[in-house]
PDB file of all heavy atoms in Angstrom:
ATOM      1  N   TRP A   1      74.919 147.370 110.991  1.00  0.00           N
ATOM      2  CA  TRP A   1      75.268 146.609 109.787  1.00  0.00           C
ATOM      3  C   TRP A   1      74.484 147.075 108.567  1.00  0.00           C
ATOM      4  O   TRP A   1      74.933 146.908 107.438  1.00  0.00           O
ATOM      5  CB  TRP A   1      75.039 145.120 110.021  1.00  0.00           C
ATOM      6  CG  TRP A   1      76.002 144.503 110.990  1.00  0.00           C
ATOM      7  CD1 TRP A   1      77.037 145.131 111.644  1.00  0.00           C
ATOM      8  CD2 TRP A   1      76.028 143.143 111.432  1.00  0.00           C
ATOM      9  NE1 TRP A   1      77.697 144.239 112.453  1.00  0.00           N
ATOM     10  CE2 TRP A   1      77.108 143.011 112.351  1.00  0.00           C
ATOM     11  CE3 TRP A   1      75.255 142.024 111.142  1.00  0.00           C
ATOM     12  CZ2 TRP A   1      77.416 141.800 112.970  1.00  0.00           C
ATOM     13  CZ3 TRP A   1      75.561 140.813 111.758  1.00  0.00           C
ATOM     14  CH2 TRP A   1      76.634 140.706 112.658  1.00  0.00           C
ATOM     15  N   VAL A   2      73.297 147.618 108.790  1.00  0.00           N
ATOM     16  CA  VAL A   2      72.467 148.045 107.655  1.00  0.00           C
ATOM     17  C   VAL A   2      72.549 149.554 107.428  1.00  0.00           C
ATOM     18  O   VAL A   2      71.787 150.101 106.629  1.00  0.00           O
ATOM     19  CB  VAL A   2      70.993 147.615 107.845  1.00  0.00           C
ATOM     20  CG1 VAL A   2      70.859 146.113 107.778  1.00  0.00           C
ATOM     21  CG2 VAL A   2      70.420 148.145 109.156  1.00  0.00           C
ATOM     22  N   ILE A   3      73.475 150.219 108.118  1.00  0.00           N
ATOM     23  CA  ILE A   3      73.560 151.684 108.048  1.00  0.00           C
ATOM     24  C   ILE A   3      73.809 152.188 106.628  1.00  0.00           C
ATOM     25  O   ILE A   3      73.413 153.298 106.274  1.00  0.00           O
ATOM     26  CB  ILE A   3      74.659 152.198 109.004  1.00  0.00           C
ATOM     27  CG1 ILE A   3      74.683 153.731 109.076  1.00  0.00           C
ATOM     28  CG2 ILE A   3      76.026 151.689 108.580  1.00  0.00           C
ATOM     29  CD1 ILE A   3      73.460 154.350 109.653  1.00  0.00           C
ATOM     30  N   ILE A   4      74.447 151.362 105.771  1.00  0.00           N
ATOM     31  CA  ILE A   4      74.782 151.828 104.428  1.00  0.00           C
ATOM     32  C   ILE A   4      73.555 152.164 103.587  1.00  0.00           C
ATOM     33  O   ILE A   4      73.657 152.935 102.635  1.00  0.00           O
ATOM     34  CB  ILE A   4      75.660 150.813 103.665  1.00  0.00           C
ATOM     35  CG1 ILE A   4      75.115 149.399 103.795  1.00  0.00           C
ATOM     36  CG2 ILE A   4      77.094 150.902 104.115  1.00  0.00           C
ATOM     37  CD1 ILE A   4      75.943 148.354 103.061  1.00  0.00           C
ATOM     38  N   ILE A   5      72.382 151.638 103.956  1.00  0.00           N
ATOM     39  CA  ILE A   5      71.191 151.993 103.178  1.00  0.00           C
ATOM     40  C   ILE A   5      70.763 153.429 103.440  1.00  0.00           C
ATOM     41  O   ILE A   5      69.949 153.977 102.684  1.00  0.00           O
ATOM     42  CB  ILE A   5      69.998 151.033 103.434  1.00  0.00           C
ATOM     43  CG1 ILE A   5      69.433 151.212 104.849  1.00  0.00           C
ATOM     44  CG2 ILE A   5      70.401 149.594 103.174  1.00  0.00           C
ATOM     45  CD1 ILE A   5      68.129 150.457 105.076  1.00  0.00           C
ATOM     46  N   SER A   6      71.293 154.051 104.500  1.00  0.00           N
ATOM     47  CA  SER A   6      70.918 155.435 104.796  1.00  0.00           C
ATOM     48  C   SER A   6      71.271 156.376 103.655  1.00  0.00           C
ATOM     49  O   SER A   6      70.549 157.348 103.413  1.00  0.00           O
ATOM     50  CB  SER A   6      71.620 155.911 106.081  1.00  0.00           C
ATOM     51  OG  SER A   6      71.226 155.160 107.186  1.00  0.00           O
ATOM     52  N   ILE A   7      72.379 156.098 102.943  1.00  0.00           N
ATOM     53  CA  ILE A   7      72.805 156.990 101.867  1.00  0.00           C
ATOM     54  C   ILE A   7      71.860 156.920 100.675  1.00  0.00           C
ATOM     55  O   ILE A   7      71.294 157.956 100.275  1.00  0.00           O
ATOM     56  CB  ILE A   7      74.258 156.668 101.454  1.00  0.00           C
ATOM     57  CG1 ILE A   7      75.209 156.902 102.644  1.00  0.00           C
ATOM     58  CG2 ILE A   7      74.669 157.518 100.259  1.00  0.00           C
ATOM     59  CD1 ILE A   7      75.223 158.296 103.184  1.00  0.00           C
ATOM     60  N   PRO A   8      71.621 155.752 100.060  1.00  0.00           N
ATOM     61  CA  PRO A   8      70.661 155.728  98.948  1.00  0.00           C
ATOM     62  C   PRO A   8      69.248 156.100  99.386  1.00  0.00           C
ATOM     63  O   PRO A   8      68.510 156.743  98.628  1.00  0.00           O
ATOM     64  CB  PRO A   8      70.725 154.278  98.443  1.00  0.00           C
ATOM     65  CG  PRO A   8      71.285 153.486  99.567  1.00  0.00           C
ATOM     66  CD  PRO A   8      72.228 154.411 100.277  1.00  0.00           C
ATOM     67  N   MET A   9      68.864 155.730 100.615  1.00  0.00           N
ATOM     68  CA  MET A   9      67.513 156.046 101.085  1.00  0.00           C
ATOM     69  C   MET A   9      67.334 157.548 101.286  1.00  0.00           C
ATOM     70  O   MET A   9      66.233 158.083 101.086  1.00  0.00           O
ATOM     71  CB  MET A   9      67.231 155.298 102.386  1.00  0.00           C
ATOM     72  CG  MET A   9      67.065 153.798 102.203  1.00  0.00           C
ATOM     73  SD  MET A   9      65.457 153.350 101.536  1.00  0.00           S
ATOM     74  CE  MET A   9      64.535 153.065 103.038  1.00  0.00           C
ATOM     75  N   ALA A  10      68.389 158.243 101.688  1.00  0.00           N
ATOM     76  CA  ALA A  10      68.299 159.700 101.844  1.00  0.00           C
ATOM     77  C   ALA A  10      68.003 160.354 100.503  1.00  0.00           C
ATOM     78  O   ALA A  10      67.174 161.281 100.405  1.00  0.00           O
ATOM     79  CB  ALA A  10      69.598 160.246 102.429  1.00  0.00           C
ATOM     80  N   ILE A  11      68.663 159.877  99.450  1.00  0.00           N
ATOM     81  CA  ILE A  11      68.445 160.420  98.105  1.00  0.00           C
ATOM     82  C   ILE A  11      67.034 160.110  97.630  1.00  0.00           C
ATOM     83  O   ILE A  11      66.310 160.991  97.138  1.00  0.00           O
ATOM     84  CB  ILE A  11      69.481 159.833  97.126  1.00  0.00           C
ATOM     85  CG1 ILE A  11      70.896 160.172  97.592  1.00  0.00           C
ATOM     86  CG2 ILE A  11      69.244 160.360  95.716  1.00  0.00           C
ATOM     87  CD1 ILE A  11      71.976 159.388  96.864  1.00  0.00           C
ATOM     88  N   VAL A  12      66.635 158.861  97.785  1.00  0.00           N
ATOM     89  CA  VAL A  12      65.298 158.428  97.353  1.00  0.00           C
ATOM     90  C   VAL A  12      64.213 159.175  98.117  1.00  0.00           C
ATOM     91  O   VAL A  12      63.239 159.663  97.529  1.00  0.00           O
ATOM     92  CB  VAL A  12      65.160 156.897  97.542  1.00  0.00           C
ATOM     93  CG1 VAL A  12      63.707 156.471  97.418  1.00  0.00           C
ATOM     94  CG2 VAL A  12      66.026 156.151  96.525  1.00  0.00           C
ATOM     95  N   ALA A  13      64.369 159.274  99.450  1.00  0.00           N
ATOM     96  CA  ALA A  13      63.341 159.907 100.275  1.00  0.00           C
ATOM     97  C   ALA A  13      63.213 161.393  99.974  1.00  0.00           C
ATOM     98  O   ALA A  13      62.090 161.932  99.910  1.00  0.00           O
ATOM     99  CB  ALA A  13      63.656 159.691 101.755  1.00  0.00           C
ATOM    100  N   PHE A  14      64.341 162.081  99.782  1.00  0.00           N
ATOM    101  CA  PHE A  14      64.262 163.514  99.513  1.00  0.00           C
ATOM    102  C   PHE A  14      63.670 163.787  98.131  1.00  0.00           C
ATOM    103  O   PHE A  14      62.874 164.728  97.964  1.00  0.00           O
ATOM    104  CB  PHE A  14      65.639 164.162  99.630  1.00  0.00           C
ATOM    105  CG  PHE A  14      65.584 165.666  99.630  1.00  0.00           C
ATOM    106  CD1 PHE A  14      64.932 166.353 100.636  1.00  0.00           C
ATOM    107  CD2 PHE A  14      66.174 166.401  98.606  1.00  0.00           C
ATOM    108  CE1 PHE A  14      64.866 167.743 100.636  1.00  0.00           C
ATOM    109  CE2 PHE A  14      66.119 167.790  98.599  1.00  0.00           C
ATOM    110  CZ  PHE A  14      65.462 168.463  99.622  1.00  0.00           C
ATOM    111  N   ASN A  15      63.995 162.981  97.145  1.00  0.00           N
ATOM    112  CA  ASN A  15      63.382 163.133  95.823  1.00  0.00           C
ATOM    113  C   ASN A  15      61.878 162.905  95.886  1.00  0.00           C
ATOM    114  O   ASN A  15      61.106 163.612  95.232  1.00  0.00           O
ATOM    115  CB  ASN A  15      64.020 162.152  94.829  1.00  0.00           C
ATOM    116  CG  ASN A  15      65.319 162.679  94.255  1.00  0.00           C
ATOM    117  OD1 ASN A  15      65.447 163.874  93.998  1.00  0.00           O
ATOM    118  ND2 ASN A  15      66.296 161.805  94.050  1.00  0.00           N
ATOM    119  N   HIS A  16      61.461 161.933  96.692  1.00  0.00           N
ATOM    120  CA  HIS A  16      60.025 161.682  96.863  1.00  0.00           C
ATOM    121  C   HIS A  16      59.370 162.862  97.568  1.00  0.00           C
ATOM    122  O   HIS A  16      58.261 163.286  97.185  1.00  0.00           O
ATOM    123  CB  HIS A  16      59.818 160.400  97.669  1.00  0.00           C
ATOM    124  CG  HIS A  16      58.398 160.137  98.043  1.00  0.00           C
ATOM    125  ND1 HIS A  16      57.458 159.680  97.146  1.00  0.00           N
ATOM    126  CD2 HIS A  16      57.737 160.288  99.230  1.00  0.00           C
ATOM    127  CE1 HIS A  16      56.290 159.553  97.760  1.00  0.00           C
ATOM    128  NE2 HIS A  16      56.432 159.919  99.025  1.00  0.00           N
ATOM    129  N   LEU A  17      60.030 163.391  98.564  1.00  0.00           N
ATOM    130  CA  LEU A  17      59.517 164.535  99.308  1.00  0.00           C
ATOM    131  C   LEU A  17      59.290 165.738  98.388  1.00  0.00           C
ATOM    132  O   LEU A  17      58.286 166.457  98.508  1.00  0.00           O
ATOM    133  CB  LEU A  17      60.507 164.859 100.423  1.00  0.00           C
ATOM    134  CG  LEU A  17      60.351 166.078 101.305  1.00  0.00           C
ATOM    135  CD1 LEU A  17      61.034 165.810 102.654  1.00  0.00           C
ATOM    136  CD2 LEU A  17      60.964 167.345 100.714  1.00  0.00           C
ATOM    137  N   LEU A  18      60.213 165.950  97.456  1.00  0.00           N
ATOM    138  CA  LEU A  18      60.111 167.099  96.551  1.00  0.00           C
ATOM    139  C   LEU A  18      58.905 167.006  95.631  1.00  0.00           C
ATOM    140  O   LEU A  18      58.335 168.024  95.221  1.00  0.00           O
ATOM    141  CB  LEU A  18      61.382 167.209  95.705  1.00  0.00           C
ATOM    142  CG  LEU A  18      62.673 167.574  96.466  1.00  0.00           C
ATOM    143  CD1 LEU A  18      63.866 167.524  95.512  1.00  0.00           C
ATOM    144  CD2 LEU A  18      62.565 168.944  97.112  1.00  0.00           C
ATOM    145  N   GLU A  19      58.491 165.787  95.312  1.00  0.00           N
ATOM    146  CA  GLU A  19      57.415 165.600  94.340  1.00  0.00           C
ATOM    147  C   GLU A  19      56.069 165.271  94.961  1.00  0.00           C
ATOM    148  O   GLU A  19      55.074 165.156  94.259  1.00  0.00           O
ATOM    149  CB  GLU A  19      57.794 164.480  93.351  1.00  0.00           C
ATOM    150  CG  GLU A  19      59.053 164.764  92.538  1.00  0.00           C
ATOM    151  CD  GLU A  19      58.894 165.988  91.634  1.00  0.00           C
ATOM    152  OE1 GLU A  19      57.745 166.337  91.283  1.00  0.00           O
ATOM    153  OE2 GLU A  19      59.919 166.620  91.315  1.00  0.00           O
ATOM    154  N   ASN A  20      56.043 165.098  96.277  1.00  0.00           N
ATOM    155  CA  ASN A  20      54.804 164.687  96.934  1.00  0.00           C
ATOM    156  C   ASN A  20      54.506 165.633  98.088  1.00  0.00           C
ATOM    157  O   ASN A  20      55.145 165.579  99.140  1.00  0.00           O
ATOM    158  CB  ASN A  20      54.940 163.237  97.430  1.00  0.00           C
ATOM    159  CG  ASN A  20      53.623 162.656  97.900  1.00  0.00           C
ATOM    160  OD1 ASN A  20      53.043 163.138  98.873  1.00  0.00           O
ATOM    161  ND2 ASN A  20      53.148 161.622  97.210  1.00  0.00           N
ATOM    162  N   ALA A  21      53.536 166.507  97.894  1.00  0.00           N
ATOM    163  CA  ALA A  21      53.236 167.552  98.876  1.00  0.00           C
ATOM    164  C   ALA A  21      52.768 166.986 100.215  1.00  0.00           C
ATOM    165  O   ALA A  21      53.139 167.495 101.280  1.00  0.00           O
ATOM    166  CB  ALA A  21      52.172 168.499  98.317  1.00  0.00           C
ATOM    167  N   LYS A  22      51.970 165.923 100.152  1.00  0.00           N
ATOM    168  CA  LYS A  22      51.444 165.344 101.387  1.00  0.00           C
ATOM    169  C   LYS A  22      52.575 164.747 102.233  1.00  0.00           C
ATOM    170  O   LYS A  22      52.667 164.990 103.436  1.00  0.00           O
ATOM    171  CB  LYS A  22      50.410 164.261 101.064  1.00  0.00           C
ATOM    172  CG  LYS A  22      49.725 163.681 102.289  1.00  0.00           C
ATOM    173  CD  LYS A  22      48.656 162.666 101.900  1.00  0.00           C
ATOM    174  CE  LYS A  22      47.978 162.072 103.138  1.00  0.00           C
ATOM    175  NZ  LYS A  22      46.943 161.060 102.763  1.00  0.00           N
ATOM    176  N   SER A  23      53.442 163.980 101.579  1.00  0.00           N
ATOM    177  CA  SER A  23      54.583 163.396 102.294  1.00  0.00           C
ATOM    178  C   SER A  23      55.508 164.495 102.807  1.00  0.00           C
ATOM    179  O   SER A  23      56.046 164.404 103.916  1.00  0.00           O
ATOM    180  CB  SER A  23      55.370 162.454 101.377  1.00  0.00           C
ATOM    181  OG  SER A  23      54.621 161.293 101.083  1.00  0.00           O
ATOM    182  N   ARG A  24      55.685 165.526 101.992  1.00  0.00           N
ATOM    183  CA  ARG A  24      56.555 166.641 102.380  1.00  0.00           C
ATOM    184  C   ARG A  24      56.038 167.313 103.654  1.00  0.00           C
ATOM    185  O   ARG A  24      56.820 167.627 104.561  1.00  0.00           O
ATOM    186  CB  ARG A  24      56.640 167.643 101.236  1.00  0.00           C
ATOM    187  CG  ARG A  24      57.591 168.791 101.514  1.00  0.00           C
ATOM    188  CD  ARG A  24      57.898 169.563 100.247  1.00  0.00           C
ATOM    189  NE  ARG A  24      56.737 170.201  99.667  1.00  0.00           N
ATOM    190  CZ  ARG A  24      56.223 169.912  98.460  1.00  0.00           C
ATOM    191  NH1 ARG A  24      56.771 168.970  97.708  1.00  0.00           N
ATOM    192  NH2 ARG A  24      55.160 170.546  97.996  1.00  0.00           N
ATOM    193  N   LYS A  25      54.748 167.506 103.727  1.00  0.00           N
ATOM    194  CA  LYS A  25      54.154 168.157 104.889  1.00  0.00           C
ATOM    195  C   LYS A  25      54.383 167.328 106.155  1.00  0.00           C
ATOM    196  O   LYS A  25      54.817 167.850 107.193  1.00  0.00           O
ATOM    197  CB  LYS A  25      52.652 168.352 104.657  1.00  0.00           C
ATOM    198  CG  LYS A  25      51.917 168.987 105.838  1.00  0.00           C
ATOM    199  CD  LYS A  25      50.437 169.126 105.546  1.00  0.00           C
ATOM    200  CE  LYS A  25      49.748 167.771 105.490  1.00  0.00           C
ATOM    201  NZ  LYS A  25      48.275 167.905 105.317  1.00  0.00           N
ATOM    202  N   TRP A  26      54.128 166.012 106.062  1.00  0.00           N
ATOM    203  CA  TRP A  26      54.258 165.164 107.239  1.00  0.00           C
ATOM    204  C   TRP A  26      55.725 164.939 107.616  1.00  0.00           C
ATOM    205  O   TRP A  26      56.070 164.892 108.798  1.00  0.00           O
ATOM    206  CB  TRP A  26      53.549 163.824 106.998  1.00  0.00           C
ATOM    207  CG  TRP A  26      52.067 163.941 107.225  1.00  0.00           C
ATOM    208  CD1 TRP A  26      51.083 163.972 106.287  1.00  0.00           C
ATOM    209  CD2 TRP A  26      51.425 164.084 108.492  1.00  0.00           C
ATOM    210  NE1 TRP A  26      49.857 164.115 106.871  1.00  0.00           N
ATOM    211  CE2 TRP A  26      50.034 164.191 108.234  1.00  0.00           C
ATOM    212  CE3 TRP A  26      51.860 164.143 109.805  1.00  0.00           C
ATOM    213  CZ2 TRP A  26      49.099 164.336 109.244  1.00  0.00           C
ATOM    214  CZ3 TRP A  26      50.927 164.289 110.822  1.00  0.00           C
ATOM    215  CH2 TRP A  26      49.563 164.383 110.531  1.00  0.00           C
ATOM    216  N   MET A  27      56.584 164.809 106.625  1.00  0.00           N
ATOM    217  CA  MET A  27      58.000 164.625 106.922  1.00  0.00           C
ATOM    218  C   MET A  27      58.565 165.871 107.607  1.00  0.00           C
ATOM    219  O   MET A  27      59.433 165.775 108.476  1.00  0.00           O
ATOM    220  CB  MET A  27      58.775 164.297 105.640  1.00  0.00           C
ATOM    221  CG  MET A  27      58.470 162.908 105.097  1.00  0.00           C
ATOM    222  SD  MET A  27      59.254 162.558 103.508  1.00  0.00           S
ATOM    223  CE  MET A  27      60.897 162.119 104.025  1.00  0.00           C
ATOM    224  N   TYR A  28      58.068 167.034 107.224  1.00  0.00           N
ATOM    225  CA  TYR A  28      58.512 168.285 107.839  1.00  0.00           C
ATOM    226  C   TYR A  28      58.065 168.345 109.301  1.00  0.00           C
ATOM    227  O   TYR A  28      58.853 168.658 110.197  1.00  0.00           O
ATOM    228  CB  TYR A  28      57.956 169.472 107.064  1.00  0.00           C
ATOM    229  CG  TYR A  28      58.367 170.812 107.613  1.00  0.00           C
ATOM    230  CD1 TYR A  28      59.639 171.326 107.377  1.00  0.00           C
ATOM    231  CD2 TYR A  28      57.473 171.575 108.374  1.00  0.00           C
ATOM    232  CE1 TYR A  28      60.014 172.565 107.881  1.00  0.00           C
ATOM    233  CE2 TYR A  28      57.837 172.809 108.886  1.00  0.00           C
ATOM    234  CZ  TYR A  28      59.111 173.298 108.639  1.00  0.00           C
ATOM    235  OH  TYR A  28      59.488 174.511 109.142  1.00  0.00           O
TER     236      TYR A  28
END
């Protein structure tokens, strides 16, 4: 039922990843 948040969250999370080296490293 909450799957629809995956779309906006994917955009938000990837933009954050691009600007934050520490998060990018751990997410990778």
